């Protein structure tokens, strides 16, 4: 496959994921009458996954700086798998779970909203960057990979760290 086709596939996947998450947040799909009990543990599990991904991303950076390319690859593949699981769990929770809002009267609400909004926007932006970075890395197009990672790495790290922060800030307000 050529680069142009891969780019189109990556953009299509990224747009599909964005639209799916958007639609699920609007609660337009039917929800079963009985919500499976595991759904309520997904936010905590996702925070754990995000925290783990943050550590793995830093470890990956360390490994590449040590010129340990094999460890760098393996860690990034694991991080990608965990982030993919996160996405599946996130979609499941937002389809089946109850929406929780940060209280309007809480003085931390503006801080929470800034973190949440930046987290959401950058999560959308980083997906195609991650996919393109992986593609260039697996193709051993090192210079192109490095150019993409200059953007993808800090954004991905920010998204994983702020995912944990958002969870810690909103979790006291879960009703389940």
Protein backbone atom coordinates (compact mmCIF):
# COMPACT_ATOMS: atom_id res chain seq x y z
CA UNK A 1 0.00 0.00 0.00
CA UNK A 2 1.22 3.48 -0.70
CA UNK A 3 1.48 6.34 1.80
CA UNK A 4 -1.49 8.19 0.35
CA UNK A 5 -3.80 5.21 0.86
CA UNK A 6 -2.51 4.63 4.41
CA UNK A 7 -3.07 8.30 5.21
CA UNK A 8 -6.66 8.07 3.93
CA UNK A 9 -7.30 4.93 5.99
CA UNK A 10 -5.85 6.57 9.11
CA UNK A 11 -7.97 9.67 8.61
CA UNK A 12 -11.08 7.56 7.98
CA UNK A 13 -10.49 5.55 11.16
CA UNK A 14 -9.87 8.76 13.13
CA UNK A 15 -13.05 10.42 11.84
CA UNK A 16 -15.05 7.23 12.48
CA UNK A 17 -13.83 7.05 16.10
CA UNK A 18 -14.58 10.74 16.64
CA UNK A 19 -18.10 10.40 15.21
CA UNK A 20 -18.78 7.26 17.23
CA UNK A 21 -17.75 8.95 20.48
CA UNK A 22 -19.77 12.06 19.56
CA UNK A 23 -22.88 10.02 18.78
CA UNK A 24 -22.56 7.98 21.97
CA UNK A 25 -22.21 11.11 24.07
CA UNK A 26 -25.47 12.36 22.57
CA UNK A 27 -27.19 9.17 23.81
CA UNK A 28 -28.98 8.56 20.50
CA UNK A 29 -28.35 4.80 20.40
CA UNK A 30 -30.68 2.50 22.33
CA UNK A 31 -29.46 1.46 25.76
CA UNK A 32 -30.47 -1.86 27.35
CA UNK A 33 -32.93 -1.63 30.23
CA UNK A 34 -30.47 -3.30 32.57
CA UNK A 35 -26.94 -1.92 32.56
CA UNK A 36 -24.31 -4.62 33.16
CA UNK A 37 -22.62 -4.05 36.52
CA UNK A 38 -19.10 -4.06 35.02
CA UNK A 39 -19.89 -0.78 33.23
CA UNK A 40 -19.61 1.16 36.49
CA UNK A 41 -16.02 0.01 37.04
CA UNK A 42 -14.89 1.22 33.61
CA UNK A 43 -14.00 4.83 34.58
CA UNK A 44 -11.62 3.61 37.31
CA UNK A 45 -10.17 0.99 34.97
CA UNK A 46 -9.69 3.65 32.28
CA UNK A 47 -7.90 5.93 34.74
CA UNK A 48 -5.59 3.03 35.61
CA UNK A 49 -4.98 2.35 31.91
CA UNK A 50 -4.25 6.04 31.27
CA UNK A 51 -1.83 6.18 34.19
CA UNK A 52 -0.10 3.03 32.96
CA UNK A 53 0.14 4.49 29.45
CA UNK A 54 1.70 7.67 30.86
CA UNK A 55 4.42 5.63 32.55
CA UNK A 56 4.93 3.49 29.45
CA UNK A 57 5.27 6.55 27.23
CA UNK A 58 7.98 7.95 29.49
CA UNK A 59 9.69 4.56 29.55
CA UNK A 60 9.51 4.44 25.75
CA UNK A 61 11.19 7.85 25.55
CA UNK A 62 13.91 6.64 27.90
CA UNK A 63 14.46 3.50 25.81
CA UNK A 64 14.83 5.38 22.54
CA UNK A 65 17.24 7.83 24.16
CA UNK A 66 19.25 4.74 25.22
CA UNK A 67 19.07 3.59 21.57
CA UNK A 68 17.19 0.46 22.64
CA UNK A 69 14.94 0.35 19.58
CA UNK A 70 13.49 -3.11 20.28
CA UNK A 71 12.36 -2.15 23.80
CA UNK A 72 11.04 1.16 22.43
CA UNK A 73 8.94 -0.69 19.84
CA UNK A 74 7.60 -3.24 22.31
CA UNK A 75 6.67 -0.61 24.87
CA UNK A 76 4.90 1.48 22.22
CA UNK A 77 2.98 -1.53 20.94
CA UNK A 78 1.87 -2.31 24.51
CA UNK A 79 0.91 1.33 25.05
CA UNK A 80 -1.07 1.32 21.80
CA UNK A 81 -2.89 -1.88 22.81
CA UNK A 82 -3.74 -0.42 26.22
CA UNK A 83 -4.91 2.84 24.63
CA UNK A 84 -7.07 0.83 22.23
CA UNK A 85 -8.60 -1.04 25.17
CA UNK A 86 -9.16 2.30 26.85
CA UNK A 87 -11.05 3.48 23.77
CA UNK A 88 -13.27 0.38 23.72
CA UNK A 89 -14.02 0.77 27.44
CA UNK A 90 -14.60 4.52 27.05
CA UNK A 91 -17.06 3.94 24.22
CA UNK A 92 -18.81 1.19 26.21
CA UNK A 93 -19.14 3.39 29.28
CA UNK A 94 -20.42 6.40 27.36
CA UNK A 95 -22.93 4.24 25.54
CA UNK A 96 -24.26 2.40 28.59
CA UNK A 97 -23.28 4.46 31.64
CA UNK A 98 -24.87 7.45 33.26
CA UNK A 99 -23.50 10.89 32.50
CA UNK A 100 -21.85 12.59 35.45
CA UNK A 101 -21.43 16.36 35.62
CA UNK A 102 -19.00 18.36 37.68
CA UNK A 103 -21.12 20.48 40.09
CA UNK A 104 -21.80 23.99 38.80
CA UNK A 105 -21.20 25.56 42.21
CA UNK A 106 -17.82 23.94 42.77
CA UNK A 107 -15.00 26.54 42.61
CA UNK A 108 -12.81 24.00 40.78
CA UNK A 109 -15.29 23.70 37.92
CA UNK A 110 -13.48 26.19 35.61
CA UNK A 111 -10.20 24.31 36.16
CA UNK A 112 -11.93 20.99 35.55
CA UNK A 113 -13.52 22.26 32.34
CA UNK A 114 -10.22 23.63 30.99
CA UNK A 115 -8.52 20.30 31.65
CA UNK A 116 -11.47 18.30 30.26
CA UNK A 117 -11.89 20.38 27.11
CA UNK A 118 -8.17 20.41 26.33
CA UNK A 119 -8.07 16.66 27.00
CA UNK A 120 -10.95 15.99 24.59
CA UNK A 121 -9.63 18.22 21.80
CA UNK A 122 -6.12 16.81 22.02
CA UNK A 123 -7.43 13.22 22.21
CA UNK A 124 -9.10 13.81 18.86
CA UNK A 125 -5.96 15.39 17.40
CA UNK A 126 -3.55 12.74 18.65
CA UNK A 127 -5.20 9.64 17.22
CA UNK A 128 -4.15 10.21 13.59
CA UNK A 129 -0.71 11.37 14.79
CA UNK A 130 -0.25 8.13 16.74
CA UNK A 131 -1.39 6.00 13.83
CA UNK A 132 0.87 7.84 11.38
CA UNK A 133 3.79 7.63 13.82
CA UNK A 134 3.32 3.89 14.14
CA UNK A 135 3.12 3.47 10.39
CA UNK A 136 6.32 5.45 9.77
CA UNK A 137 8.07 3.65 12.63
CA UNK A 138 7.14 0.21 11.34
CA UNK A 139 8.26 1.23 7.86
CA UNK A 140 11.58 2.31 9.44
CA UNK A 141 11.15 5.78 7.99
CA UNK A 142 12.98 7.12 11.02
CA UNK A 143 13.19 10.81 10.06
CA UNK A 144 9.47 11.02 9.22
CA UNK A 145 8.69 9.05 12.39
CA UNK A 146 10.72 11.51 14.49
CA UNK A 147 8.95 14.52 12.93
CA UNK A 148 5.54 13.06 13.78
CA UNK A 149 6.57 11.96 17.26
CA UNK A 150 7.73 15.49 18.13
CA UNK A 151 4.01 16.30 18.16
CA UNK A 152 2.43 12.93 18.93
CA UNK A 153 4.46 12.11 22.05
CA UNK A 154 3.76 15.23 24.14
CA UNK A 155 0.12 15.31 23.08
CA UNK A 156 -0.38 11.60 23.82
CA UNK A 157 1.36 12.01 27.19
CA UNK A 158 -0.80 15.06 28.00
CA UNK A 159 -3.96 13.14 27.09
CA UNK A 160 -3.05 10.16 29.27
CA UNK A 161 -2.06 12.31 32.26
CA UNK A 162 -5.11 14.58 32.01
CA UNK A 163 -7.31 11.49 31.64
CA UNK A 164 -6.24 10.48 35.15
CA UNK A 165 -6.73 14.03 36.45
CA UNK A 166 -10.23 14.27 34.95
CA UNK A 167 -11.14 10.95 36.57
CA UNK A 168 -9.80 12.02 39.97
CA UNK A 169 -11.73 15.29 39.77
CA UNK A 170 -15.06 13.81 38.62
CA UNK A 171 -15.05 10.48 40.50
CA UNK A 172 -16.45 11.87 43.78
CA UNK A 173 -19.60 12.82 41.86
CA UNK A 174 -20.38 9.40 40.37
CA UNK A 175 -23.75 8.17 41.62
CA UNK A 176 -23.04 4.48 41.08
